Amino acid sequence: METLALLFPAGISVWIWHKRNEKISWSVMPTLVEYSIWTVCNVLVSVLTVVFVFRHRDLTSEAFMSFSFFWKYMLVAVFAAFLMPYLVEFVMKCFGVTFTIERKASDKGKDKTYTLEEGDRNGREK
């Protein structure tokens, strides 16, 4: 039950993230990295919610063996798993980072500017 509670919600987040962003491929290694990141984020949000909102201070691995706690945790974790991909997408759309890399003036004739904008994984040449 412990493994299911900790790993299942991240699968939901990865599935939603890939459905919302169709340009992302289902390659093995990048998907495993994404799954690991979503696992850490979902567990962190779920544990913080259980500890600080529901005031359950006795959170250990034995707590997952209690059937009632397991279902309470799973409801919080699944809710967080559904919500987090949309929240990440909203933050990515609202807050973008742009930076420019230019060459020195001594490299005449080779001046190019590369800009990396939000959602763009490769720099675009101007």
N, C-alpha and C. Protein backbone atom coordinates (compact mmCIF):
# COMPACT_ATOMS: atom_id res chain seq x y z
N MET A 1 0.83 -1.19 0.00
CA MET A 1 0.00 0.00 0.00
C MET A 1 0.87 1.25 0.00
N GLU A 2 2.00 1.17 0.66
CA GLU A 2 2.91 2.31 0.75
C GLU A 2 3.45 2.67 -0.65
N THR A 3 3.88 1.67 -1.39
CA THR A 3 4.41 1.90 -2.73
C THR A 3 3.35 2.46 -3.66
N LEU A 4 2.15 1.93 -3.58
CA LEU A 4 1.05 2.43 -4.39
C LEU A 4 0.74 3.88 -4.07
N ALA A 5 0.72 4.22 -2.80
CA ALA A 5 0.40 5.59 -2.39
C ALA A 5 1.46 6.59 -2.83
N LEU A 6 2.71 6.16 -2.86
CA LEU A 6 3.78 7.09 -3.21
C LEU A 6 4.03 7.20 -4.71
N LEU A 7 3.78 6.14 -5.48
CA LEU A 7 4.15 6.13 -6.89
C LEU A 7 2.98 6.29 -7.86
N PHE A 8 1.78 5.89 -7.50
CA PHE A 8 0.64 5.95 -8.42
C PHE A 8 0.25 7.37 -8.83
N PRO A 9 0.16 8.35 -7.91
CA PRO A 9 -0.26 9.68 -8.32
C PRO A 9 0.67 10.34 -9.34
N ALA A 10 1.95 10.04 -9.31
CA ALA A 10 2.88 10.62 -10.28
C ALA A 10 2.56 10.14 -11.70
N GLY A 11 2.08 8.91 -11.82
CA GLY A 11 1.67 8.41 -13.13
C GLY A 11 0.52 9.21 -13.70
N ILE A 12 -0.40 9.63 -12.85
CA ILE A 12 -1.51 10.47 -13.29
C ILE A 12 -0.98 11.81 -13.79
N SER A 13 -0.05 12.40 -13.05
CA SER A 13 0.51 13.69 -13.45
C SER A 13 1.25 13.60 -14.78
N VAL A 14 2.04 12.55 -14.97
CA VAL A 14 2.77 12.37 -16.23
C VAL A 14 1.79 12.19 -17.38
N TRP A 15 0.75 11.42 -17.17
CA TRP A 15 -0.25 11.19 -18.22
C TRP A 15 -0.94 12.49 -18.61
N ILE A 16 -1.36 13.28 -17.63
CA ILE A 16 -2.01 14.56 -17.92
C ILE A 16 -1.04 15.51 -18.62
N TRP A 17 0.20 15.56 -18.16
CA TRP A 17 1.21 16.44 -18.74
C TRP A 17 1.43 16.10 -20.22
N HIS A 18 1.49 14.80 -20.54
CA HIS A 18 1.70 14.39 -21.92
C HIS A 18 0.45 14.60 -22.77
N LYS A 19 -0.73 14.47 -22.20
CA LYS A 19 -1.96 14.73 -22.95
C LYS A 19 -2.10 16.21 -23.27
N ARG A 20 -1.72 17.08 -22.34
CA ARG A 20 -1.83 18.52 -22.53
C ARG A 20 -0.76 19.05 -23.48
N ASN A 21 0.42 18.45 -23.48
CA ASN A 21 1.53 18.87 -24.33
C ASN A 21 1.83 17.78 -25.33
N GLU A 22 1.11 17.78 -26.45
CA GLU A 22 1.24 16.70 -27.41
C GLU A 22 2.60 16.67 -28.10
N LYS A 23 3.36 17.77 -28.02
CA LYS A 23 4.66 17.80 -28.67
C LYS A 23 5.72 16.98 -27.93
N ILE A 24 5.43 16.60 -26.69
CA ILE A 24 6.37 15.81 -25.89
C ILE A 24 6.27 14.35 -26.33
N SER A 25 7.42 13.73 -26.56
CA SER A 25 7.42 12.33 -26.98
C SER A 25 7.47 11.41 -25.77
N TRP A 26 7.09 10.17 -25.99
CA TRP A 26 7.08 9.16 -24.92
C TRP A 26 8.38 8.37 -24.94
N SER A 27 9.52 9.03 -25.02
CA SER A 27 10.81 8.34 -24.95
C SER A 27 11.02 7.84 -23.52
N VAL A 28 11.78 6.76 -23.40
CA VAL A 28 11.91 6.09 -22.10
C VAL A 28 12.63 6.95 -21.06
N MET A 29 13.85 7.39 -21.35
CA MET A 29 14.63 8.12 -20.35
C MET A 29 14.01 9.47 -19.97
N PRO A 30 13.60 10.31 -20.93
CA PRO A 30 12.98 11.57 -20.53
C PRO A 30 11.69 11.36 -19.74
N THR A 31 10.93 10.32 -20.08
CA THR A 31 9.70 10.05 -19.34
C THR A 31 10.01 9.58 -17.93
N LEU A 32 11.06 8.78 -17.75
CA LEU A 32 11.45 8.36 -16.40
C LEU A 32 11.92 9.54 -15.55
N VAL A 33 12.63 10.46 -16.18
CA VAL A 33 13.07 11.67 -15.46
C VAL A 33 11.85 12.50 -15.06
N GLU A 34 10.92 12.69 -15.99
CA GLU A 34 9.69 13.43 -15.67
C GLU A 34 8.91 12.73 -14.56
N TYR A 35 8.81 11.41 -14.64
CA TYR A 35 8.09 10.64 -13.63
C TYR A 35 8.74 10.82 -12.26
N SER A 36 10.06 10.82 -12.22
CA SER A 36 10.76 11.02 -10.95
C SER A 36 10.49 12.41 -10.38
N ILE A 37 10.52 13.41 -11.23
CA ILE A 37 10.26 14.77 -10.78
C ILE A 37 8.82 14.90 -10.28
N TRP A 38 7.87 14.35 -11.02
CA TRP A 38 6.46 14.42 -10.59
C TRP A 38 6.25 13.63 -9.29
N THR A 39 6.98 12.51 -9.12
CA THR A 39 6.86 11.74 -7.89
C THR A 39 7.30 12.58 -6.69
N VAL A 40 8.44 13.22 -6.80
CA VAL A 40 8.94 14.04 -5.70
C VAL A 40 7.98 15.20 -5.41
N CYS A 41 7.51 15.87 -6.46
CA CYS A 41 6.59 17.00 -6.27
C CYS A 41 5.27 16.56 -5.64
N ASN A 42 4.69 15.47 -6.15
CA ASN A 42 3.41 15.00 -5.61
C ASN A 42 3.53 14.54 -4.17
N VAL A 43 4.59 13.81 -3.86
CA VAL A 43 4.77 13.34 -2.48
C VAL A 43 4.99 14.54 -1.54
N LEU A 44 5.78 15.49 -1.98
CA LEU A 44 6.04 16.68 -1.16
C LEU A 44 4.75 17.45 -0.87
N VAL A 45 3.98 17.72 -1.90
CA VAL A 45 2.72 18.46 -1.72
C VAL A 45 1.74 17.67 -0.86
N SER A 46 1.64 16.38 -1.09
CA SER A 46 0.69 15.55 -0.33
C SER A 46 1.08 15.45 1.14
N VAL A 47 2.36 15.23 1.40
CA VAL A 47 2.82 15.12 2.78
C VAL A 47 2.66 16.45 3.51
N LEU A 48 3.03 17.55 2.85
CA LEU A 48 2.86 18.86 3.48
C LEU A 48 1.39 19.16 3.76
N THR A 49 0.52 18.76 2.86
CA THR A 49 -0.92 18.96 3.08
C THR A 49 -1.41 18.14 4.26
N VAL A 50 -1.01 16.88 4.32
CA VAL A 50 -1.45 16.02 5.42
C VAL A 50 -0.90 16.51 6.76
N VAL A 51 0.35 16.92 6.77
CA VAL A 51 0.98 17.34 8.03
C VAL A 51 0.48 18.69 8.50
N PHE A 52 0.43 19.68 7.60
CA PHE A 52 0.12 21.03 8.03
C PHE A 52 -1.36 21.40 7.96
N VAL A 53 -2.09 20.86 7.01
CA VAL A 53 -3.52 21.19 6.90
C VAL A 53 -4.35 20.29 7.80
N PHE A 54 -4.09 18.98 7.72
CA PHE A 54 -4.88 18.03 8.51
C PHE A 54 -4.27 17.74 9.88
N ARG A 55 -3.13 18.33 10.18
CA ARG A 55 -2.48 18.23 11.50
C ARG A 55 -2.20 16.77 11.91
N HIS A 56 -1.77 15.96 10.97
CA HIS A 56 -1.41 14.57 11.26
C HIS A 56 0.10 14.52 11.46
N ARG A 57 0.55 14.67 12.68
CA ARG A 57 1.99 14.79 12.99
C ARG A 57 2.72 13.45 13.00
N ASP A 58 2.02 12.36 13.16
CA ASP A 58 2.65 11.04 13.29
C ASP A 58 2.71 10.36 11.93
N LEU A 59 3.42 10.96 10.99
CA LEU A 59 3.48 10.43 9.63
C LEU A 59 4.77 9.63 9.45
N THR A 60 4.63 8.32 9.47
CA THR A 60 5.74 7.40 9.24
C THR A 60 5.30 6.39 8.19
N SER A 61 6.19 5.49 7.83
CA SER A 61 5.83 4.48 6.83
C SER A 61 4.77 3.52 7.36
N GLU A 62 4.70 3.35 8.69
CA GLU A 62 3.66 2.48 9.27
C GLU A 62 2.27 3.10 9.15
N ALA A 63 2.20 4.42 8.98
CA ALA A 63 0.90 5.08 8.86
C ALA A 63 0.17 4.60 7.60
N PHE A 64 0.92 4.23 6.56
CA PHE A 64 0.29 3.77 5.32
C PHE A 64 -0.35 2.40 5.48
N MET A 65 -0.01 1.67 6.51
CA MET A 65 -0.62 0.37 6.76
C MET A 65 -2.03 0.50 7.33
N SER A 66 -2.36 1.67 7.85
CA SER A 66 -3.72 1.94 8.31
C SER A 66 -4.59 2.23 7.10
N PHE A 67 -5.64 1.44 6.93
CA PHE A 67 -6.48 1.55 5.74
C PHE A 67 -7.15 2.92 5.64
N SER A 68 -7.60 3.47 6.76
CA SER A 68 -8.27 4.77 6.72
C SER A 68 -7.29 5.89 6.35
N PHE A 69 -6.06 5.85 6.91
CA PHE A 69 -5.08 6.88 6.56
C PHE A 69 -4.66 6.74 5.10
N PHE A 70 -4.51 5.49 4.64
CA PHE A 70 -4.12 5.26 3.25
C PHE A 70 -5.10 5.93 2.29
N TRP A 71 -6.40 5.79 2.51
CA TRP A 71 -7.39 6.38 1.61
C TRP A 71 -7.44 7.90 1.73
N LYS A 72 -7.24 8.42 2.92
CA LYS A 72 -7.18 9.88 3.07
C LYS A 72 -5.98 10.44 2.32
N TYR A 73 -4.84 9.79 2.49
CA TYR A 73 -3.64 10.24 1.79
C TYR A 73 -3.82 10.12 0.28
N MET A 74 -4.39 9.01 -0.18
CA MET A 74 -4.58 8.81 -1.62
C MET A 74 -5.51 9.87 -2.21
N LEU A 75 -6.56 10.25 -1.50
CA LEU A 75 -7.45 11.30 -2.01
C LEU A 75 -6.70 12.62 -2.17
N VAL A 76 -5.90 12.97 -1.18
CA VAL A 76 -5.11 14.20 -1.26
C VAL A 76 -4.09 14.10 -2.39
N ALA A 77 -3.41 12.96 -2.49
CA ALA A 77 -2.36 12.78 -3.50
C ALA A 77 -2.93 12.78 -4.92
N VAL A 78 -4.05 12.12 -5.12
CA VAL A 78 -4.66 12.09 -6.46
C VAL A 78 -5.19 13.47 -6.84
N PHE A 79 -5.77 14.19 -5.90
CA PHE A 79 -6.21 15.56 -6.16
C PHE A 79 -5.02 16.44 -6.55
N ALA A 80 -3.92 16.31 -5.81
CA ALA A 80 -2.71 17.07 -6.14
C ALA A 80 -2.15 16.65 -7.49
N ALA A 81 -2.22 15.36 -7.81
CA ALA A 81 -1.70 14.86 -9.08
C ALA A 81 -2.50 15.41 -10.26
N PHE A 82 -3.81 15.58 -10.10
CA PHE A 82 -4.62 16.17 -11.16
C PHE A 82 -4.39 17.67 -11.27
N LEU A 83 -4.17 18.33 -10.18
CA LEU A 83 -4.06 19.78 -10.15
C LEU A 83 -2.68 20.29 -10.59
N MET A 84 -1.62 19.61 -10.22
CA MET A 84 -0.27 20.12 -10.44
C MET A 84 0.12 20.33 -11.91
N PRO A 85 -0.20 19.45 -12.86
CA PRO A 85 0.17 19.75 -14.26
C PRO A 85 -0.48 21.02 -14.79
N TYR A 86 -1.72 21.27 -14.39
CA TYR A 86 -2.39 22.50 -14.82
C TYR A 86 -1.76 23.72 -14.16
N LEU A 87 -1.37 23.59 -12.91
CA LEU A 87 -0.71 24.68 -12.20
C LEU A 87 0.66 24.98 -12.82
N VAL A 88 1.42 23.97 -13.15
CA VAL A 88 2.72 24.17 -13.80
C VAL A 88 2.54 24.83 -15.16
N GLU A 89 1.55 24.40 -15.92
CA GLU A 89 1.29 24.99 -17.23
C GLU A 89 0.90 26.46 -17.10
N PHE A 90 0.08 26.79 -16.10
CA PHE A 90 -0.32 28.17 -15.85
C PHE A 90 0.89 29.03 -15.50
N VAL A 91 1.76 28.53 -14.64
CA VAL A 91 2.95 29.28 -14.24
C VAL A 91 3.88 29.48 -15.44
N MET A 92 4.02 28.45 -16.28
CA MET A 92 4.88 28.58 -17.46
C MET A 92 4.34 29.60 -18.44
N LYS A 93 3.02 29.72 -18.56
CA LYS A 93 2.43 30.69 -19.48
C LYS A 93 2.51 32.12 -18.94
N CYS A 94 2.39 32.27 -17.64
CA CYS A 94 2.36 33.61 -17.04
C CYS A 94 3.75 34.19 -16.80
N PHE A 95 4.70 33.34 -16.48
CA PHE A 95 6.04 33.81 -16.15
C PHE A 95 7.02 33.21 -17.13
N GLY A 96 7.61 34.04 -17.97
CA GLY A 96 8.59 33.57 -18.94
C GLY A 96 9.95 34.17 -18.65
N VAL A 97 10.97 33.45 -19.04
CA VAL A 97 12.34 33.91 -18.86
C VAL A 97 12.95 34.06 -20.24
N THR A 98 13.52 35.24 -20.52
CA THR A 98 14.17 35.50 -21.79
C THR A 98 15.57 36.02 -21.52
N PHE A 99 16.55 35.46 -22.20
CA PHE A 99 17.90 35.99 -22.10
C PHE A 99 18.55 35.92 -23.46
N THR A 100 19.54 36.79 -23.67
CA THR A 100 20.20 36.90 -24.96
C THR A 100 21.70 36.70 -24.79
N ILE A 101 22.29 35.95 -25.70
CA ILE A 101 23.73 35.73 -25.71
C ILE A 101 24.27 36.33 -27.00
N GLU A 102 25.20 37.26 -26.87
CA GLU A 102 25.79 37.90 -28.04
C GLU A 102 27.29 37.68 -28.05
N ARG A 103 27.86 37.66 -29.24
CA ARG A 103 29.31 37.50 -29.37
C ARG A 103 30.00 38.85 -29.23
N LYS A 104 31.30 38.80 -29.01
CA LYS A 104 32.09 40.02 -28.88
C LYS A 104 32.16 40.77 -30.21
N ALA A 105 32.47 42.06 -30.14
CA ALA A 105 32.60 42.87 -31.34
C ALA A 105 33.81 42.45 -32.17
N SER A 106 34.78 41.78 -31.57
CA SER A 106 35.98 41.35 -32.29
C SER A 106 35.68 40.25 -33.29
N ASP A 107 34.57 39.57 -33.13
CA ASP A 107 34.17 38.52 -34.08
C ASP A 107 33.29 39.13 -35.16
N LYS A 108 33.85 40.05 -35.96
CA LYS A 108 33.08 40.76 -36.98
C LYS A 108 32.56 39.79 -38.03
N GLY A 109 31.37 40.04 -38.48
CA GLY A 109 30.76 39.22 -39.51
C GLY A 109 30.14 37.94 -38.96
N LYS A 110 30.37 37.66 -37.72
CA LYS A 110 29.83 36.43 -37.12
C LYS A 110 28.83 36.75 -36.02
N ASP A 111 28.33 37.98 -35.98
CA ASP A 111 27.41 38.38 -34.91
C ASP A 111 26.07 37.67 -35.09
N LYS A 112 25.71 36.91 -34.10
CA LYS A 112 24.42 36.24 -34.08
C LYS A 112 23.87 36.38 -32.68
N THR A 113 22.57 36.45 -32.58
CA THR A 113 21.92 36.54 -31.28
C THR A 113 21.03 35.32 -31.12
N TYR A 114 21.16 34.65 -30.00
CA TYR A 114 20.34 33.49 -29.69
C TYR A 114 19.42 33.85 -28.54
N THR A 115 18.15 33.55 -28.69
CA THR A 115 17.18 33.88 -27.65
C THR A 115 16.45 32.61 -27.25
N LEU A 116 16.33 32.39 -25.95
CA LEU A 116 15.58 31.27 -25.42
C LEU A 116 14.34 31.82 -24.73
N GLU A 117 13.17 31.49 -25.27
CA GLU A 117 11.94 32.01 -24.70
C GLU A 117 11.16 30.89 -24.04
N GLU A 118 10.08 31.25 -23.36
CA GLU A 118 9.30 30.28 -22.60
C GLU A 118 8.82 29.14 -23.49
N GLY A 119 8.95 27.94 -22.99
CA GLY A 119 8.48 26.76 -23.70
C GLY A 119 9.37 26.34 -24.85
N ASP A 120 10.45 27.08 -25.13
CA ASP A 120 11.34 26.76 -26.24
C ASP A 120 12.58 26.08 -25.68
N ARG A 121 12.85 24.85 -26.10
CA ARG A 121 13.99 24.11 -25.56
C ARG A 121 15.28 24.40 -26.31
N ASN A 122 15.17 24.90 -27.53
CA ASN A 122 16.35 25.22 -28.32
C ASN A 122 16.39 26.72 -28.58
N GLY A 123 17.56 27.30 -28.54
CA GLY A 123 17.68 28.72 -28.85
C GLY A 123 17.38 28.98 -30.31
N ARG A 124 16.70 30.08 -30.58
CA ARG A 124 16.39 30.44 -31.95
C ARG A 124 17.35 31.52 -32.41
N GLU A 125 17.85 31.40 -33.62
CA GLU A 125 18.80 32.35 -34.14
C GLU A 125 18.03 33.52 -34.74
N LYS A 126 18.50 34.73 -34.45
CA LYS A 126 17.89 35.93 -35.05
C LYS A 126 18.81 36.51 -36.08
